C-alpha atoms as a PDB file:
ATOM      1  CA  MET A   1       0.000   0.000   0.000  1.00  0.00           C
ATOM      2  CA  ASN A   2       1.348   3.418  -0.997  1.00  0.00           C
ATOM      3  CA  PRO A   3       0.819   6.165   1.614  1.00  0.00           C
ATOM      4  CA  ALA A   4      -0.578   9.232  -0.174  1.00  0.00           C
ATOM      5  CA  HIS A   5      -0.664  12.544   1.643  1.00  0.00           C
ATOM      6  CA  ILE A   6      -3.207  15.136   0.507  1.00  0.00           C
ATOM      7  CA  LYS A   7      -1.408  18.364  -0.385  1.00  0.00           C
ATOM      8  CA  VAL A   8      -4.208  20.340  -2.085  1.00  0.00           C
ATOM      9  CA  LEU A   9      -7.914  19.531  -1.810  1.00  0.00           C
ATOM     10  CA  SER A  10     -11.043  20.765  -3.595  1.00  0.00           C
ATOM     11  CA  ALA A  11     -14.693  19.783  -3.253  1.00  0.00           C
ATOM     12  CA  ALA A  12     -17.930  20.677  -4.997  1.00  0.00           C
ATOM     13  CA  VAL A  13     -21.612  19.938  -4.394  1.00  0.00           C
ATOM     14  CA  GLU A  14     -24.243  20.536  -7.058  1.00  0.00           C
ATOM     15  CA  VAL A  15     -27.965  20.230  -6.295  1.00  0.00           C
ATOM     16  CA  SER A  16     -30.503  20.187  -9.130  1.00  0.00           C
ATOM     17  CA  PHE A  17     -34.049  21.292  -8.335  1.00  0.00           C
ATOM     18  CA  PRO A  18     -36.887  19.045  -9.594  1.00  0.00           C
ATOM     19  CA  ARG A  19     -38.534  22.093 -11.169  1.00  0.00           C
ATOM     20  CA  PRO A  20     -37.502  25.751 -11.637  1.00  0.00           C
ATOM     21  CA  VAL A  21     -37.662  27.824  -8.447  1.00  0.00           C
ATOM     22  CA  ALA A  22     -39.187  31.269  -8.986  1.00  0.00           C
ATOM     23  CA  TRP A  23     -37.684  34.407  -7.471  1.00  0.00           C
ATOM     24  CA  THR A  24     -39.405  35.680  -4.334  1.00  0.00           C
ATOM     25  CA  PRO A  25     -38.514  38.616  -2.053  1.00  0.00           C
ATOM     26  CA  SER A  26     -37.517  36.195   0.710  1.00  0.00           C
ATOM     27  CA  LEU A  27     -35.271  34.004  -1.459  1.00  0.00           C
ATOM     28  CA  LEU A  28     -32.136  36.131  -1.021  1.00  0.00           C
ATOM     29  CA  GLU A  29     -32.421  36.455   2.748  1.00  0.00           C
ATOM     30  CA  GLU A  30     -33.296  32.784   3.220  1.00  0.00           C
ATOM     31  CA  SER A  31     -30.453  31.535   0.986  1.00  0.00           C
ATOM     32  CA  VAL A  32     -27.786  33.742   2.570  1.00  0.00           C
ATOM     33  CA  SER A  33     -28.998  32.904   6.087  1.00  0.00           C
ATOM     34  CA  ARG A  34     -28.758  29.167   5.418  1.00  0.00           C
ATOM     35  CA  LEU A  35     -25.378  29.594   3.756  1.00  0.00           C
ATOM     36  CA  VAL A  36     -24.014  31.463   6.798  1.00  0.00           C
ATOM     37  CA  ASP A  37     -25.269  28.631   9.032  1.00  0.00           C
ATOM     38  CA  ALA A  38     -23.457  26.094   6.838  1.00  0.00           C
ATOM     39  CA  LEU A  39     -20.232  28.103   6.756  1.00  0.00           C
ATOM     40  CA  GLY A  40     -20.186  28.899  10.440  1.00  0.00           C
ATOM     41  CA  PHE A  41     -19.143  32.524   9.898  1.00  0.00           C
ATOM     42  CA  PRO A  42     -20.851  35.682   8.560  1.00  0.00           C
ATOM     43  CA  LEU A  43     -20.501  37.133   5.069  1.00  0.00           C
ATOM     44  CA  ARG A  44     -19.937  40.806   4.288  1.00  0.00           C
ATOM     45  CA  SER A  45     -22.323  42.602   1.966  1.00  0.00           C
ATOM     46  CA  ASP A  46     -19.614  42.946  -0.712  1.00  0.00           C
ATOM     47  CA  GLN A  47     -19.250  39.131  -0.818  1.00  0.00           C
ATOM     48  CA  VAL A  48     -22.823  38.610  -2.025  1.00  0.00           C
ATOM     49  CA  ARG A  49     -24.082  39.532  -5.496  1.00  0.00           C
ATOM     50  CA  VAL A  50     -27.516  39.192  -7.112  1.00  0.00           C
ATOM     51  CA  ARG A  51     -28.459  39.496 -10.765  1.00  0.00           C
ATOM     52  CA  HIS A  52     -32.223  39.605 -11.237  1.00  0.00           C
ATOM     53  CA  SER A  53     -33.516  40.487 -14.699  1.00  0.00           C
ATOM     54  CA  ASP A  54     -36.786  38.583 -14.876  1.00  0.00           C
ATOM     55  CA  ILE A  55     -39.822  38.565 -12.628  1.00  0.00           C
ATOM     56  CA  LEU A  56     -39.667  34.781 -12.221  1.00  0.00           C
ATOM     57  CA  TYR A  57     -36.693  32.667 -13.302  1.00  0.00           C
ATOM     58  CA  ASN A  58     -33.847  34.737 -14.721  1.00  0.00           C
ATOM     59  CA  TYR A  59     -31.755  35.386 -11.627  1.00  0.00           C
ATOM     60  CA  ASP A  60     -28.389  34.426 -10.128  1.00  0.00           C
ATOM     61  CA  LEU A  61     -27.260  34.648  -6.518  1.00  0.00           C
ATOM     62  CA  THR A  62     -23.505  34.315  -5.877  1.00  0.00           C
ATOM     63  CA  ALA A  63     -21.376  34.523  -2.759  1.00  0.00           C
ATOM     64  CA  THR A  64     -17.577  34.333  -2.636  1.00  0.00           C
ATOM     65  CA  PHE A  65     -15.345  33.741   0.384  1.00  0.00           C
ATOM     66  CA  PHE A  66     -11.970  32.293   1.444  1.00  0.00           C
ATOM     67  CA  ASN A  67     -10.190  34.938  -0.660  1.00  0.00           C
ATOM     68  CA  GLY A  68     -11.997  33.891  -3.814  1.00  0.00           C
ATOM     69  CA  ASN A  69     -11.243  30.167  -3.395  1.00  0.00           C
ATOM     70  CA  ALA A  70     -14.849  29.333  -2.532  1.00  0.00           C
ATOM     71  CA  LEU A  71     -18.039  30.105  -4.403  1.00  0.00           C
ATOM     72  CA  PHE A  72     -21.749  29.547  -3.735  1.00  0.00           C
ATOM     73  CA  THR A  73     -24.229  29.956  -6.585  1.00  0.00           C
ATOM     74  CA  ARG A  74     -27.985  29.617  -6.835  1.00  0.00           C
ATOM     75  CA  ASN A  75     -30.353  30.120  -9.748  1.00  0.00           C
ATOM     76  CA  ALA A  76     -33.756  28.818 -10.767  1.00  0.00           C
ATOM     77  CA  ASP A  77     -32.406  25.386 -11.724  1.00  0.00           C
ATOM     78  CA  LYS A  78     -29.678  24.467  -9.274  1.00  0.00           C
ATOM     79  CA  MET A  79     -27.566  25.359  -6.261  1.00  0.00           C
ATOM     80  CA  SER A  80     -23.806  24.770  -6.132  1.00  0.00           C
ATOM     81  CA  LEU A  81     -20.972  25.092  -3.631  1.00  0.00           C
ATOM     82  CA  TYR A  82     -17.301  25.055  -4.700  1.00  0.00           C
ATOM     83  CA  LEU A  83     -14.446  24.856  -2.172  1.00  0.00           C
ATOM     84  CA  ASN A  84     -11.118  25.053  -3.998  1.00  0.00           C
ATOM     85  CA  ASN A  85      -7.382  24.816  -3.331  1.00  0.00           C
ATOM     86  CA  ALA A  86      -7.471  23.963   0.381  1.00  0.00           C
ATOM     87  CA  GLN A  87      -3.943  23.548   1.714  1.00  0.00           C
ATOM     88  CA  GLU A  88      -3.036  21.039   4.416  1.00  0.00           C
ATOM     89  CA  ASP A  89      -4.094  23.172   7.391  1.00  0.00           C
ATOM     90  CA  GLU A  90      -7.381  24.180   5.695  1.00  0.00           C
ATOM     91  CA  GLN A  91      -8.754  20.811   4.629  1.00  0.00           C
ATOM     92  CA  LYS A  92     -10.673  19.989   7.819  1.00  0.00           C
ATOM     93  CA  VAL A  93     -12.713  23.173   7.280  1.00  0.00           C
ATOM     94  CA  VAL A  94     -13.778  21.944   3.832  1.00  0.00           C
ATOM     95  CA  PHE A  95     -15.302  18.764   5.258  1.00  0.00           C
ATOM     96  CA  ASP A  96     -16.869  20.599   8.189  1.00  0.00           C
ATOM     97  CA  ILE A  97     -18.671  22.840   5.677  1.00  0.00           C
ATOM     98  CA  LEU A  98     -19.705  19.844   3.576  1.00  0.00           C
ATOM     99  CA  GLU A  99     -21.238  18.202   6.642  1.00  0.00           C
ATOM    100  CA  ARG A 100     -23.245  21.342   7.434  1.00  0.00           C
ATOM    101  CA  PHE A 101     -24.267  21.882   3.805  1.00  0.00           C
ATOM    102  CA  GLY A 102     -27.356  19.733   4.330  1.00  0.00           C
ATOM    103  CA  GLY A 103     -28.897  22.663   6.189  1.00  0.00           C
ATOM    104  CA  LEU A 104     -29.201  24.474   2.848  1.00  0.00           C
ATOM    105  CA  LEU A 105     -31.365  21.716   1.406  1.00  0.00           C
ATOM    106  CA  SER A 106     -35.061  21.139   1.916  1.00  0.00           C
ATOM    107  CA  THR A 107     -35.786  17.873   3.674  1.00  0.00           C
ATOM    108  CA  GLY A 108     -38.492  15.477   2.583  1.00  0.00           C
ATOM    109  CA  THR A 109     -37.711  16.034  -1.111  1.00  0.00           C
ATOM    110  CA  ARG A 110     -35.533  13.855  -3.312  1.00  0.00           C
ATOM    111  CA  LEU A 111     -33.014  16.146  -4.954  1.00  0.00           C
ATOM    112  CA  PRO A 112     -30.330  14.960  -7.391  1.00  0.00           C
ATOM    113  CA  ILE A 113     -27.070  15.808  -5.622  1.00  0.00           C
ATOM    114  CA  GLN A 114     -23.622  15.380  -7.124  1.00  0.00           C
ATOM    115  CA  LEU A 115     -20.506  15.365  -4.925  1.00  0.00           C
ATOM    116  CA  LEU A 116     -17.046  15.807  -6.433  1.00  0.00           C
ATOM    117  CA  VAL A 117     -13.777  15.706  -4.481  1.00  0.00           C
ATOM    118  CA  THR A 118     -10.353  16.190  -6.080  1.00  0.00           C
ATOM    119  CA  ALA A 119      -6.889  16.140  -4.542  1.00  0.00           C
ATOM    120  CA  HIS A 120      -3.212  16.391  -5.354  1.00  0.00           C
ATOM    121  CA  VAL A 121      -1.663  13.598  -3.260  1.00  0.00           C
ATOM    122  CA  ASP A 122       2.059  13.277  -2.539  1.00  0.00           C
ATOM    123  CA  ILE A 123       3.447   9.720  -2.761  1.00  0.00           C
ATOM    124  CA  GLY A 124       7.002  10.570  -1.775  1.00  0.00           C
ATOM    125  CA  SER A 125       8.970  11.310  -4.904  1.00  0.00           C
ATOM    126  CA  GLN A 126       8.753  11.692  -8.652  1.00  0.00           C
ATOM    127  CA  GLN A 127      10.341   8.257  -9.021  1.00  0.00           C
ATOM    128  CA  ASN A 128       7.647   6.706  -6.818  1.00  0.00           C
ATOM    129  CA  ARG A 129       5.003   8.369  -8.956  1.00  0.00           C
ATOM    130  CA  GLN A 130       6.505   7.028 -12.172  1.00  0.00           C
ATOM    131  CA  GLN A 131       6.724   3.516 -10.782  1.00  0.00           C
ATOM    132  CA  PHE A 132       3.144   3.679  -9.520  1.00  0.00           C
ATOM    133  CA  LEU A 133       1.700   4.920 -12.812  1.00  0.00           C
ATOM    134  CA  LYS A 134       3.743   2.552 -14.968  1.00  0.00           C
ATOM    135  CA  ARG A 135       1.385  -0.322 -14.172  1.00  0.00           C
ATOM    136  CA  TYR A 136      -1.429   1.520 -15.995  1.00  0.00           C
ATOM    137  CA  SER A 137       0.501   2.197 -19.188  1.00  0.00           C
ATOM    138  CA  PRO A 138      -0.718   0.090 -22.151  1.00  0.00           C
ATOM    139  CA  SER A 139       2.391   1.022 -24.149  1.00  0.00           C
ATOM    140  CA  GLU A 140       5.798   2.607 -23.711  1.00  0.00           C
ATOM    141  CA  ARG A 141       4.520   5.412 -25.926  1.00  0.00           C
ATOM    142  CA  VAL A 142       2.223   6.509 -23.083  1.00  0.00           C
ATOM    143  CA  GLU A 143       4.480   8.647 -20.908  1.00  0.00           C
ATOM    144  CA  LEU A 144       1.877   9.833 -18.377  1.00  0.00           C
ATOM    145  CA  PRO A 145      -0.700   7.051 -17.903  1.00  0.00           C
ATOM    146  CA  GLY A 146      -3.685   7.057 -15.588  1.00  0.00           C
ATOM    147  CA  ALA A 147      -6.726   4.995 -14.623  1.00  0.00           C
ATOM    148  CA  VAL A 148     -10.476   5.405 -14.195  1.00  0.00           C
ATOM    149  CA  ALA A 149     -12.980   3.011 -12.644  1.00  0.00           C
ATOM    150  CA  TYR A 150     -16.495   2.762 -11.243  1.00  0.00           C
ATOM    151  CA  LEU A 151     -16.517   1.088  -7.838  1.00  0.00           C
ATOM    152  CA  PRO A 152     -19.307   0.154  -5.398  1.00  0.00           C
ATOM    153  CA  SER A 153     -20.284   2.491  -2.579  1.00  0.00           C
ATOM    154  CA  LYS A 154     -21.237   1.886   1.041  1.00  0.00           C
ATOM    155  CA  LEU A 155     -24.561   3.469   0.055  1.00  0.00           C
ATOM    156  CA  SER A 156     -25.162   0.942  -2.731  1.00  0.00           C
ATOM    157  CA  GLY A 157     -28.846   0.091  -2.814  1.00  0.00           C
ATOM    158  CA  ASP A 158     -29.678   3.563  -1.489  1.00  0.00           C
ATOM    159  CA  GLY A 159     -29.339   5.334  -4.808  1.00  0.00           C
ATOM    160  CA  VAL A 160     -25.523   5.567  -4.779  1.00  0.00           C
ATOM    161  CA  ASP A 161     -24.609   2.516  -6.840  1.00  0.00           C
ATOM    162  CA  HIS A 162     -21.119   3.460  -7.999  1.00  0.00           C
ATOM    163  CA  ILE A 163     -18.326   5.920  -7.344  1.00  0.00           C
ATOM    164  CA  ARG A 164     -16.248   7.206 -10.218  1.00  0.00           C
ATOM    165  CA  PHE A 165     -12.557   7.187  -9.236  1.00  0.00           C
ATOM    166  CA  MET A 166      -9.794   8.581 -11.440  1.00  0.00           C
ATOM    167  CA  ILE A 167      -5.991   8.705 -11.090  1.00  0.00           C
ATOM    168  CA  GLU A 168      -3.612  10.704 -13.252  1.00  0.00           C
ATOM    169  CA  PRO A 169      -0.308  12.586 -12.857  1.00  0.00           C
ATOM    170  CA  SER A 170      -0.515  15.933 -11.121  1.00  0.00           C
ATOM    171  CA  LEU A 171       0.529  18.684 -13.480  1.00  0.00           C
ATOM    172  CA  SER A 172       1.236  21.002 -10.525  1.00  0.00           C
ATOM    173  CA  LEU A 173       3.383  18.820  -8.272  1.00  0.00           C
ATOM    174  CA  PRO A 174       5.976  16.496  -9.871  1.00  0.00           C
ATOM    175  CA  GLU A 175       5.896  14.043  -6.957  1.00  0.00           C
ATOM    176  CA  ALA A 176       2.093  13.916  -6.744  1.00  0.00           C
ATOM    177  CA  LEU A 177      -0.904  12.225  -8.301  1.00  0.00           C
ATOM    178  CA  PHE A 178      -4.138  13.984  -9.141  1.00  0.00           C
ATOM    179  CA  VAL A 179      -7.101  11.915  -7.969  1.00  0.00           C
ATOM    180  CA  SER A 180     -10.827  12.562  -8.157  1.00  0.00           C
ATOM    181  CA  TRP A 181     -13.970  10.946  -6.804  1.00  0.00           C
ATOM    182  CA  ARG A 182     -17.532  11.574  -7.997  1.00  0.00           C
ATOM    183  CA  ALA A 183     -20.795  10.258  -6.543  1.00  0.00           C
ATOM    184  CA  ASN A 184     -24.479  10.986  -7.025  1.00  0.00           C
ATOM    185  CA  LEU A 185     -26.535  11.194  -3.854  1.00  0.00           C
ATOM    186  CA  PRO A 186     -30.311  10.726  -4.190  1.00  0.00           C
ATOM    187  CA  SER A 187     -31.499  12.789  -1.231  1.00  0.00           C
ATOM    188  CA  PRO A 188     -30.396  15.258   1.464  1.00  0.00           C
ATOM    189  CA  GLU A 189     -31.987  13.112   4.194  1.00  0.00           C
ATOM    190  CA  ASP A 190     -29.539  12.086   6.942  1.00  0.00           C
ATOM    191  CA  TRP A 191     -26.968  14.227   5.121  1.00  0.00           C
ATOM    192  CA  LYS A 192     -24.169  14.111   7.698  1.00  0.00           C
ATOM    193  CA  ASN A 193     -24.160  10.300   7.843  1.00  0.00           C
ATOM    194  CA  ARG A 194     -24.397  10.018   4.052  1.00  0.00           C
ATOM    195  CA  ILE A 195     -21.368  12.280   3.616  1.00  0.00           C
ATOM    196  CA  LYS A 196     -19.423  10.196   6.141  1.00  0.00           C
ATOM    197  CA  LEU A 197     -20.235   6.936   4.330  1.00  0.00           C
ATOM    198  CA  VAL A 198     -19.459   8.380   0.899  1.00  0.00           C
ATOM    199  CA  LEU A 199     -16.063   9.663   2.073  1.00  0.00           C
ATOM    200  CA  GLU A 200     -15.304   6.233   3.534  1.00  0.00           C
ATOM    201  CA  SER A 201     -16.225   4.747   0.153  1.00  0.00           C
ATOM    202  CA  PHE A 202     -13.891   7.231  -1.525  1.00  0.00           C
ATOM    203  CA  GLU A 203     -11.031   6.051   0.690  1.00  0.00           C
ATOM    204  CA  GLU A 204     -11.858   2.412  -0.070  1.00  0.00           C
ATOM    205  CA  ALA A 205     -11.858   3.158  -3.799  1.00  0.00           C
ATOM    206  CA  ALA A 206      -8.307   4.513  -3.471  1.00  0.00           C
ATOM    207  CA  ARG A 207      -7.202   1.415  -1.547  1.00  0.00           C
ATOM    208  CA  VAL A 208      -8.355  -0.775  -4.443  1.00  0.00           C
ATOM    209  CA  TYR A 209      -5.627   1.013  -6.416  1.00  0.00           C
ATOM    210  CA  ASP A 210      -3.076   0.541  -3.619  1.00  0.00           C
ATOM    211  CA  LEU A 211      -3.312   4.140  -2.388  1.00  0.00           C
ATOM    212  CA  LEU A 212      -3.721   4.862   1.321  1.00  0.00           C
ATOM    213  CA  ILE A 213      -5.544   8.211   1.458  1.00  0.00           C
ATOM    214  CA  ARG A 214      -7.164   9.586   4.607  1.00  0.00           C
ATOM    215  CA  PHE A 215      -9.480  12.581   4.589  1.00  0.00           C
ATOM    216  CA  PRO A 216      -9.172  14.937   7.582  1.00  0.00           C
ATOM    217  CA  SER A 217     -12.788  14.337   8.617  1.00  0.00           C
ATOM    218  CA  GLN A 218     -12.150  10.581   8.808  1.00  0.00           C
ATOM    219  CA  GLU A 219      -9.045  10.710  10.991  1.00  0.00           C
END
């Protein structure tokens, strides 16, 4: 098993509404209030922007924070949260926010939710990386090979049948791999436990490929 230390972490959640959500006077206040609860800290007025050019559906609400490395968006069709470029001492915050993100979602309604986590993981040296990736090269002509697979989840049978796991060379760190996990969650119900189980499934997917990766929230 190859120990793989997360150097840079990003996560994204995208929630699609079952039908378009019309603009109402209370939508802005309600969305920002729930977002602040999920973040655990207040937002300044200059961090929130609204574009509203139609009486019903043509609107966009955006909020930026963490020095531009995080973005929340909401429009008539979907709501998204992006947490990017978390360094080693910032990664626990990312998962804390993900766990609280369920407070932004209406309970009792099945909402298509997509969770994406990406990371640059250090496996010791550039030589270690080359040796690790070599096993996935179909030909000597492939200098930077990678792998992609769909693996079972701990939530299999509950609407999360497979996790998409991908490995490739990091283009930012010569001694690192770039890995990504993607899963579709069927509902915000019991959100905190679902996130925990999905992250455990992400770690298990990496172990199938002989990578020992531990997320901060799971330590």
